[in-house]
Amino acid sequence: MRQVINREGIREKLDITKIREKLLRACMDLEVNMVELESHIDSIYQVDITTKKIQESLINQAVSMTSFEESDWTYVAGRLLMMETEREVYHKRGFSYGQFSRTVKKLVELGVYDRRLLEYSDKELEELEKAIDISRDMLYDYAGANMLVNRYLLKYDGIIYELPQEVFMCISMLLAINEENRVEIAKTFYNALSLKKISLATPILANLRVPKGNLSSCFITAMDDNIESIFYNIDTIAKISKNGGGVGLNISRIRGKNSTVNGYFNASGGVVPWVKIVNDTAVAVNQQGRRAGAVTVALDSWHVDIENFLELQTENGDQRGKAYDIYPQVVLSDLFMRRVEADLPWSLFDPYEIRKNYNVELC
């Protein structure tokens, strides 16, 4: 008799019927042959295998079977992942869908959810629970399901503690919280979100229901040509990234390479060393573990370091001057474009020398 280890750590008989029921649900209304996936159960089985491992193996098998000709296998994998997530959450917190009011109160108590959700009365929560359609978990292919599960579902003590439709409903409740007929508006938001009719920016999707969550996606800043401003901006970038935001940074005020520093000639390293620090900050401080830090670094086309800047992500040259994890951009002026059109030479300047000699800030 073949045995498996369930989520409670107890040995039990391998029940092919339960697996087949899941596969039937995952393959429903899709153009796939369920028998093909079911036939892999024997090859998956091994002594002391867990039920969770069997489910994960079936998901991976469905992903590997996805092709241009049989693209629906990716939806099978997505559905299996959603079912596995629901089962995992049920095992960890003791209840699944169908107890929305209890979910909200429990996660607020644990400090996972924003307390403003409790501004909704028990009656309102019960009405909103009726609007939750758990079948919409089955609308995702594997890529979408994997991103939703691993990037956006909130955790408590490192364990996923909420379910996809709860995410959409809680976000909808907070979007509608100040409206006069907030329950109906929350339902409208929920239907649009859960049916994928609208898409929200990552900070809103990730942070709207958490205490003091940052809801802004993008921030713009500029470095001045002094140590205080440079490291203030690096500190700011780290904090923004920590809270799930992306940053656009202009560094055109930084003096050029070999410029004077405190009266010492050829002392400046130019913009590249600072870009490297920004790059490493974006790597070190990701966006709440959900995605890598996102920083765009801009330099004006007149800056004397523009050629070195353009080499930041090439494979040739000194690797110490490379920054592969930021998004470099060049700021082009109307004057530059007019010179391009007229096939005229372009001029490069050190912003420090311009400030010192003409008391003019170029940007």
Protein backbone atom coordinates (compact mmCIF):
# COMPACT_ATOMS: atom_id res chain seq x y z
CA MET A 1 0.00 0.00 0.00
CA ARG A 2 1.43 3.35 -1.04
CA GLN A 3 1.47 5.99 1.69
CA VAL A 4 1.98 9.73 1.82
CA ILE A 5 2.55 12.25 4.62
CA ASN A 6 -0.22 14.84 4.95
CA ARG A 7 0.11 18.43 6.17
CA GLU A 8 -0.29 17.35 9.79
CA GLY A 9 2.71 15.04 9.38
CA ILE A 10 0.54 11.91 9.56
CA ARG A 11 1.01 8.96 7.24
CA GLU A 12 -2.05 8.01 5.25
CA LYS A 13 -2.97 5.98 2.21
CA LEU A 14 -2.34 7.65 -1.14
CA ASP A 15 -5.83 8.60 -2.30
CA ILE A 16 -5.80 8.84 -6.09
CA THR A 17 -9.47 9.86 -6.02
CA LYS A 18 -8.67 13.13 -4.20
CA ILE A 19 -5.90 13.93 -6.68
CA ARG A 20 -8.19 13.16 -9.60
CA GLU A 21 -10.87 15.50 -8.21
CA LYS A 22 -8.35 18.34 -8.11
CA LEU A 23 -7.17 17.59 -11.62
CA LEU A 24 -10.77 17.52 -12.90
CA ARG A 25 -11.36 20.95 -11.37
CA ALA A 26 -8.09 22.30 -12.75
CA CYS A 27 -8.77 21.00 -16.29
CA MET A 28 -12.46 21.94 -16.47
CA ASP A 29 -13.44 23.69 -19.75
CA LEU A 30 -9.83 23.73 -20.97
CA GLU A 31 -8.45 22.12 -24.10
CA VAL A 32 -6.20 19.63 -22.36
CA ASN A 33 -6.20 15.87 -21.79
CA MET A 34 -6.27 15.36 -18.03
CA VAL A 35 -5.10 11.75 -18.41
CA GLU A 36 -1.73 13.01 -19.66
CA LEU A 37 -1.12 14.83 -16.39
CA GLU A 38 -2.62 12.08 -14.24
CA SER A 39 -0.28 9.54 -15.81
CA HIS A 40 2.69 11.31 -14.19
CA ILE A 41 1.53 10.51 -10.64
CA ASP A 42 3.35 7.16 -10.64
CA SER A 43 6.63 8.78 -11.65
CA ILE A 44 6.17 11.46 -8.98
CA TYR A 45 5.50 9.03 -6.15
CA GLN A 46 8.32 8.07 -3.80
CA VAL A 47 8.55 6.76 -0.26
CA ASP A 48 7.73 9.36 2.44
CA ILE A 49 6.56 11.92 -0.12
CA THR A 50 4.26 14.63 1.23
CA THR A 51 0.90 15.56 -0.24
CA LYS A 52 2.25 19.08 -0.69
CA LYS A 53 5.18 17.75 -2.73
CA ILE A 54 2.80 15.78 -4.97
CA GLN A 55 0.79 18.94 -5.63
CA GLU A 56 3.93 20.96 -6.39
CA SER A 57 5.17 18.25 -8.74
CA LEU A 58 1.89 18.23 -10.64
CA ILE A 59 2.07 22.03 -10.97
CA ASN A 60 5.62 21.83 -12.34
CA GLN A 61 4.60 19.04 -14.69
CA ALA A 62 1.72 21.13 -16.06
CA VAL A 63 4.10 24.04 -16.60
CA SER A 64 6.54 21.81 -18.49
CA MET A 65 3.70 20.54 -20.70
CA THR A 66 2.76 24.07 -21.76
CA SER A 67 3.51 24.77 -25.42
CA PHE A 68 2.29 26.98 -28.23
CA GLU A 69 0.05 24.15 -29.42
CA GLU A 70 -1.23 23.30 -25.91
CA SER A 71 -1.18 26.64 -24.14
CA ASP A 72 -4.04 25.79 -21.76
CA TRP A 73 -1.69 23.76 -19.60
CA THR A 74 -0.48 27.05 -18.12
CA TYR A 75 -4.03 27.63 -16.82
CA VAL A 76 -4.06 24.13 -15.35
CA ALA A 77 -0.85 24.97 -13.48
CA GLY A 78 -2.28 28.31 -12.34
CA ARG A 79 -5.44 26.67 -11.01
CA LEU A 80 -3.49 23.97 -9.20
CA LEU A 81 -1.33 26.65 -7.58
CA MET A 82 -4.42 28.57 -6.44
CA MET A 83 -5.93 25.39 -4.98
CA GLU A 84 -2.67 24.57 -3.21
CA THR A 85 -2.54 28.12 -1.78
CA GLU A 86 -6.10 27.88 -0.48
CA ARG A 87 -5.30 24.54 1.15
CA GLU A 88 -2.10 25.94 2.69
CA VAL A 89 -3.85 28.99 4.12
CA TYR A 90 -6.61 26.81 5.54
CA HIS A 91 -4.01 24.61 7.22
CA LYS A 92 -2.13 27.57 8.75
CA ARG A 93 -4.96 29.79 9.98
CA GLY A 94 -7.68 27.16 10.47
CA PHE A 95 -10.29 28.53 8.06
CA SER A 96 -10.58 29.34 4.37
CA TYR A 97 -13.12 31.27 2.30
CA GLY A 98 -16.58 31.74 3.75
CA GLN A 99 -15.54 33.56 6.91
CA PHE A 100 -14.61 36.98 5.59
CA SER A 101 -15.60 38.90 8.73
CA ARG A 102 -13.47 36.56 10.83
CA THR A 103 -10.56 36.98 8.38
CA VAL A 104 -10.65 40.76 8.59
CA LYS A 105 -10.86 40.85 12.38
CA LYS A 106 -8.15 38.22 12.79
CA LEU A 107 -5.67 39.93 10.47
CA VAL A 108 -6.34 43.34 12.00
CA GLU A 109 -5.68 41.80 15.41
CA LEU A 110 -2.38 40.34 14.15
CA GLY A 111 -1.34 43.73 12.75
CA VAL A 112 -1.41 42.48 9.16
CA TYR A 113 -4.45 44.53 8.08
CA ASP A 114 -5.20 48.25 8.43
CA ARG A 115 -7.58 48.91 11.35
CA ARG A 116 -9.71 51.12 9.11
CA LEU A 117 -11.26 47.93 7.73
CA LEU A 118 -13.07 47.61 11.08
CA GLU A 119 -15.00 50.79 10.27
CA TYR A 120 -17.23 48.47 8.29
CA SER A 121 -19.95 46.97 10.50
CA ASP A 122 -20.57 43.24 10.88
CA LYS A 123 -23.66 43.62 8.70
CA GLU A 124 -21.65 45.35 5.97
CA LEU A 125 -18.94 42.68 6.15
CA GLU A 126 -21.55 39.95 5.80
CA GLU A 127 -23.00 41.67 2.73
CA LEU A 128 -19.56 42.05 1.18
CA GLU A 129 -18.77 38.40 1.88
CA LYS A 130 -21.77 37.39 -0.26
CA ALA A 131 -20.20 39.26 -3.19
CA ILE A 132 -16.94 37.28 -3.01
CA ASP A 133 -16.74 34.80 -5.89
CA ILE A 134 -14.05 32.20 -5.17
CA SER A 135 -14.35 30.73 -8.68
CA ARG A 136 -12.43 33.79 -9.89
CA ASP A 137 -9.28 32.25 -8.43
CA MET A 138 -9.44 29.96 -11.47
CA LEU A 139 -9.02 32.79 -14.00
CA TYR A 140 -5.23 32.93 -13.76
CA ASP A 141 -2.54 31.26 -15.80
CA TYR A 142 0.56 30.08 -13.98
CA ALA A 143 2.52 33.33 -14.38
CA GLY A 144 -0.35 35.43 -13.01
CA ALA A 145 -1.14 33.04 -10.18
CA ASN A 146 2.52 32.72 -9.19
CA MET A 147 2.96 36.51 -9.09
CA LEU A 148 -0.24 37.03 -7.09
CA VAL A 149 0.56 34.30 -4.58
CA ASN A 150 4.26 34.97 -4.05
CA ARG A 151 4.36 38.73 -4.42
CA TYR A 152 1.08 40.15 -3.15
CA LEU A 153 -0.56 37.82 -0.63
CA LEU A 154 0.32 39.07 2.84
CA LYS A 155 2.20 36.92 5.31
CA TYR A 156 2.33 36.57 9.07
CA ASP A 157 5.49 35.09 10.58
CA GLY A 158 6.61 34.21 7.07
CA ILE A 159 3.42 32.27 6.28
CA ILE A 160 0.80 33.31 3.71
CA TYR A 161 -2.24 34.34 5.72
CA GLU A 162 -4.78 35.61 3.18
CA LEU A 163 -6.44 34.45 -0.03
CA PRO A 164 -6.68 36.17 -3.44
CA GLN A 165 -10.35 37.18 -3.34
CA GLU A 166 -9.85 38.57 0.18
CA VAL A 167 -7.10 40.78 -1.25
CA PHE A 168 -9.41 42.24 -3.87
CA MET A 169 -12.27 42.78 -1.45
CA CYS A 170 -10.14 44.49 1.22
CA ILE A 171 -8.59 46.80 -1.37
CA SER A 172 -12.07 47.60 -2.68
CA MET A 173 -13.34 48.35 0.83
CA LEU A 174 -10.57 50.85 1.47
CA LEU A 175 -11.02 52.51 -1.91
CA ALA A 176 -14.72 52.98 -1.11
CA ILE A 177 -14.46 53.67 2.62
CA ASN A 178 -15.31 57.38 2.45
CA GLU A 179 -18.24 56.99 0.04
CA GLU A 180 -21.81 57.38 1.19
CA ASN A 181 -22.91 54.06 -0.34
CA ARG A 182 -19.58 52.40 0.30
CA VAL A 183 -20.75 48.80 0.26
CA GLU A 184 -22.15 49.03 -3.27
CA ILE A 185 -19.11 50.93 -4.50
CA ALA A 186 -16.81 48.37 -2.85
CA LYS A 187 -18.68 45.62 -4.72
CA THR A 188 -18.17 47.50 -7.99
CA PHE A 189 -14.46 47.86 -7.32
CA TYR A 190 -14.24 44.19 -6.32
CA ASN A 191 -15.88 42.96 -9.51
CA ALA A 192 -13.59 45.09 -11.65
CA LEU A 193 -10.46 43.92 -9.81
CA SER A 194 -11.29 40.23 -9.45
CA LEU A 195 -12.38 39.94 -13.08
CA LYS A 196 -9.14 41.65 -14.20
CA LYS A 197 -10.97 44.55 -15.82
CA ILE A 198 -8.64 47.03 -14.13
CA SER A 199 -5.06 46.72 -12.91
CA LEU A 200 -3.57 48.53 -9.92
CA ALA A 201 -0.02 49.74 -9.41
CA THR A 202 2.13 47.53 -7.19
CA PRO A 203 2.15 49.86 -4.14
CA ILE A 204 -1.66 49.95 -4.08
CA LEU A 205 -2.04 46.22 -4.65
CA ALA A 206 0.61 45.43 -2.07
CA ASN A 207 0.13 48.16 0.54
CA LEU A 208 -3.41 49.55 0.56
CA ARG A 209 -4.66 47.12 3.22
CA VAL A 210 -1.55 47.14 5.45
CA PRO A 211 -1.04 49.59 8.36
CA LYS A 212 0.58 52.83 7.15
CA GLY A 213 1.19 51.36 3.69
CA ASN A 214 2.78 53.58 1.06
CA LEU A 215 0.44 53.98 -1.93
CA SER A 216 2.66 56.00 -4.26
CA SER A 217 4.42 54.28 -7.14
CA CYS A 218 7.01 56.77 -8.32
CA PHE A 219 9.15 59.50 -6.76
CA ILE A 220 11.43 62.05 -8.42
CA THR A 221 14.48 63.64 -6.84
CA ALA A 222 17.78 65.28 -7.78
CA MET A 223 21.25 65.28 -6.22
CA ASP A 224 23.03 68.50 -5.50
CA ASP A 225 26.81 68.68 -5.82
CA ASN A 226 27.73 68.05 -2.20
CA ILE A 227 28.19 65.05 0.10
CA GLU A 228 25.20 65.95 2.27
CA SER A 229 22.77 65.99 -0.65
CA ILE A 230 24.26 62.88 -2.26
CA PHE A 231 23.93 60.70 0.82
CA TYR A 232 20.60 62.23 1.79
CA ASN A 233 19.27 61.12 -1.59
CA ILE A 234 20.79 57.65 -1.26
CA ASP A 235 19.13 57.32 2.16
CA THR A 236 15.84 58.53 0.66
CA ILE A 237 16.07 56.05 -2.22
CA ALA A 238 16.59 53.21 0.25
CA LYS A 239 13.56 54.24 2.30
CA ILE A 240 11.33 54.65 -0.77
CA SER A 241 12.37 51.25 -2.09
CA LYS A 242 11.81 49.68 1.32
CA ASN A 243 8.21 50.93 1.19
CA GLY A 244 7.55 49.66 -2.33
CA GLY A 245 8.21 52.74 -4.48
CA GLY A 246 10.38 53.42 -7.51
CA VAL A 247 12.64 56.46 -7.93
CA GLY A 248 13.65 58.77 -10.74
CA LEU A 249 16.97 60.47 -9.89
CA ASN A 250 18.68 63.30 -11.77
CA ILE A 251 22.44 63.57 -11.19
CA SER A 252 23.28 66.36 -13.65
CA ARG A 253 24.40 68.79 -10.93
CA ILE A 254 27.24 66.48 -9.84
CA ARG A 255 30.62 67.81 -10.98
CA GLY A 256 32.41 65.93 -13.76
CA LYS A 257 35.31 63.53 -13.60
CA ASN A 258 38.70 65.18 -12.82
CA SER A 259 36.97 68.36 -11.65
CA THR A 260 38.29 70.30 -8.64
CA VAL A 261 37.31 69.29 -5.10
CA ASN A 262 38.18 71.60 -2.17
CA GLY A 263 40.91 73.20 -4.25
CA TYR A 264 42.46 69.89 -5.33
CA PHE A 265 42.65 69.51 -9.09
CA ASN A 266 41.56 66.27 -10.81
CA ALA A 267 40.07 65.04 -7.52
CA SER A 268 36.50 64.31 -8.59
CA GLY A 269 35.52 60.83 -9.74
CA GLY A 270 32.52 62.22 -11.64
CA VAL A 271 29.03 60.80 -11.68
CA VAL A 272 29.83 57.11 -12.23
CA PRO A 273 30.95 56.25 -8.65
CA TRP A 274 27.74 57.75 -7.28
CA VAL A 275 25.66 55.84 -9.82
CA LYS A 276 27.37 52.66 -8.61
CA ILE A 277 26.30 53.39 -5.02
CA VAL A 278 22.74 54.06 -6.17
CA ASN A 279 22.82 50.81 -8.16
CA ASP A 280 23.97 48.80 -5.13
CA THR A 281 21.35 50.48 -2.95
CA ALA A 282 18.62 49.40 -5.37
CA VAL A 283 19.93 45.83 -5.17
CA ALA A 284 20.32 45.79 -1.39
CA VAL A 285 16.96 47.39 -0.54
CA ASN A 286 14.27 45.70 -2.61
CA GLN A 287 10.61 46.62 -2.65
CA GLN A 288 9.41 44.75 0.44
CA GLY A 289 10.71 41.48 -0.96
CA ARG A 290 8.10 41.61 -3.72
CA ARG A 291 10.33 42.88 -6.50
CA ALA A 292 13.76 44.39 -7.03
CA GLY A 293 14.40 48.04 -6.30
CA ALA A 294 13.59 50.24 -9.30
CA VAL A 295 15.72 53.35 -9.84
CA THR A 296 16.05 55.43 -12.99
CA VAL A 297 19.16 57.64 -13.11
CA ALA A 298 19.09 60.58 -15.51
CA LEU A 299 21.96 62.71 -16.86
CA ASP A 300 21.63 65.70 -19.16
CA SER A 301 23.23 65.40 -22.58
CA TRP A 302 25.46 68.46 -21.97
CA HIS A 303 27.23 66.88 -18.96
CA VAL A 304 30.96 66.27 -19.43
CA ASP A 305 30.55 62.69 -18.12
CA ILE A 306 27.88 61.74 -20.64
CA GLU A 307 30.15 59.37 -22.58
CA ASN A 308 31.11 57.43 -19.44
CA PHE A 309 27.45 57.41 -18.45
CA LEU A 310 26.49 55.85 -21.78
CA GLU A 311 28.97 53.04 -21.07
CA LEU A 312 27.37 52.09 -17.75
CA GLN A 313 25.73 48.93 -19.04
CA THR A 314 28.03 47.83 -21.83
CA GLU A 315 29.96 44.59 -21.38
CA ASN A 316 33.34 45.98 -22.42
CA GLY A 317 35.59 48.16 -20.30
CA ASP A 318 36.31 48.30 -16.57
CA GLN A 319 33.57 46.40 -14.72
CA ARG A 320 34.09 48.63 -11.69
CA GLY A 321 32.43 51.40 -13.69
CA LYS A 322 29.31 49.38 -14.58
CA ALA A 323 25.81 49.56 -13.12
CA TYR A 324 23.53 46.87 -14.49
CA ASP A 325 20.64 47.18 -12.03
CA ILE A 326 19.56 50.79 -12.55
CA TYR A 327 17.77 52.24 -15.57
CA PRO A 328 19.94 54.96 -17.15
CA GLN A 329 18.33 57.71 -19.17
CA VAL A 330 19.63 60.77 -21.01
CA VAL A 331 17.81 64.11 -20.79
CA LEU A 332 17.75 65.80 -24.19
CA SER A 333 17.10 69.52 -24.64
CA ASP A 334 15.49 71.33 -27.58
CA LEU A 335 18.88 72.88 -28.32
CA PHE A 336 20.46 69.44 -28.63
CA MET A 337 17.79 68.32 -31.09
CA ARG A 338 18.16 71.51 -33.15
CA ARG A 339 21.91 70.88 -33.41
CA VAL A 340 21.25 67.29 -34.44
CA GLU A 341 18.88 68.46 -37.17
CA ALA A 342 21.44 71.03 -38.37
CA ASP A 343 24.33 68.52 -38.09
CA LEU A 344 26.20 70.90 -35.78
CA PRO A 345 28.75 70.03 -33.03
CA TRP A 346 27.50 69.52 -29.49
CA SER A 347 29.09 71.07 -26.40
CA LEU A 348 29.85 69.39 -23.07
CA PHE A 349 30.19 71.19 -19.74
CA ASP A 350 31.24 70.55 -16.15
CA PRO A 351 28.37 71.92 -14.02
CA TYR A 352 30.80 72.83 -11.23
CA GLU A 353 32.95 75.00 -13.52
CA ILE A 354 29.85 76.74 -14.88
CA ARG A 355 28.62 77.49 -11.35
CA LYS A 356 32.03 78.72 -10.22
CA ASN A 357 32.77 80.94 -13.24
CA TYR A 358 29.29 82.14 -14.27
CA ASN A 359 27.11 81.55 -11.19
CA VAL A 360 24.66 79.67 -13.40
CA GLU A 361 22.94 76.35 -12.65
CA LEU A 362 22.44 74.41 -15.88
CA CYS A 363 19.63 72.26 -14.49
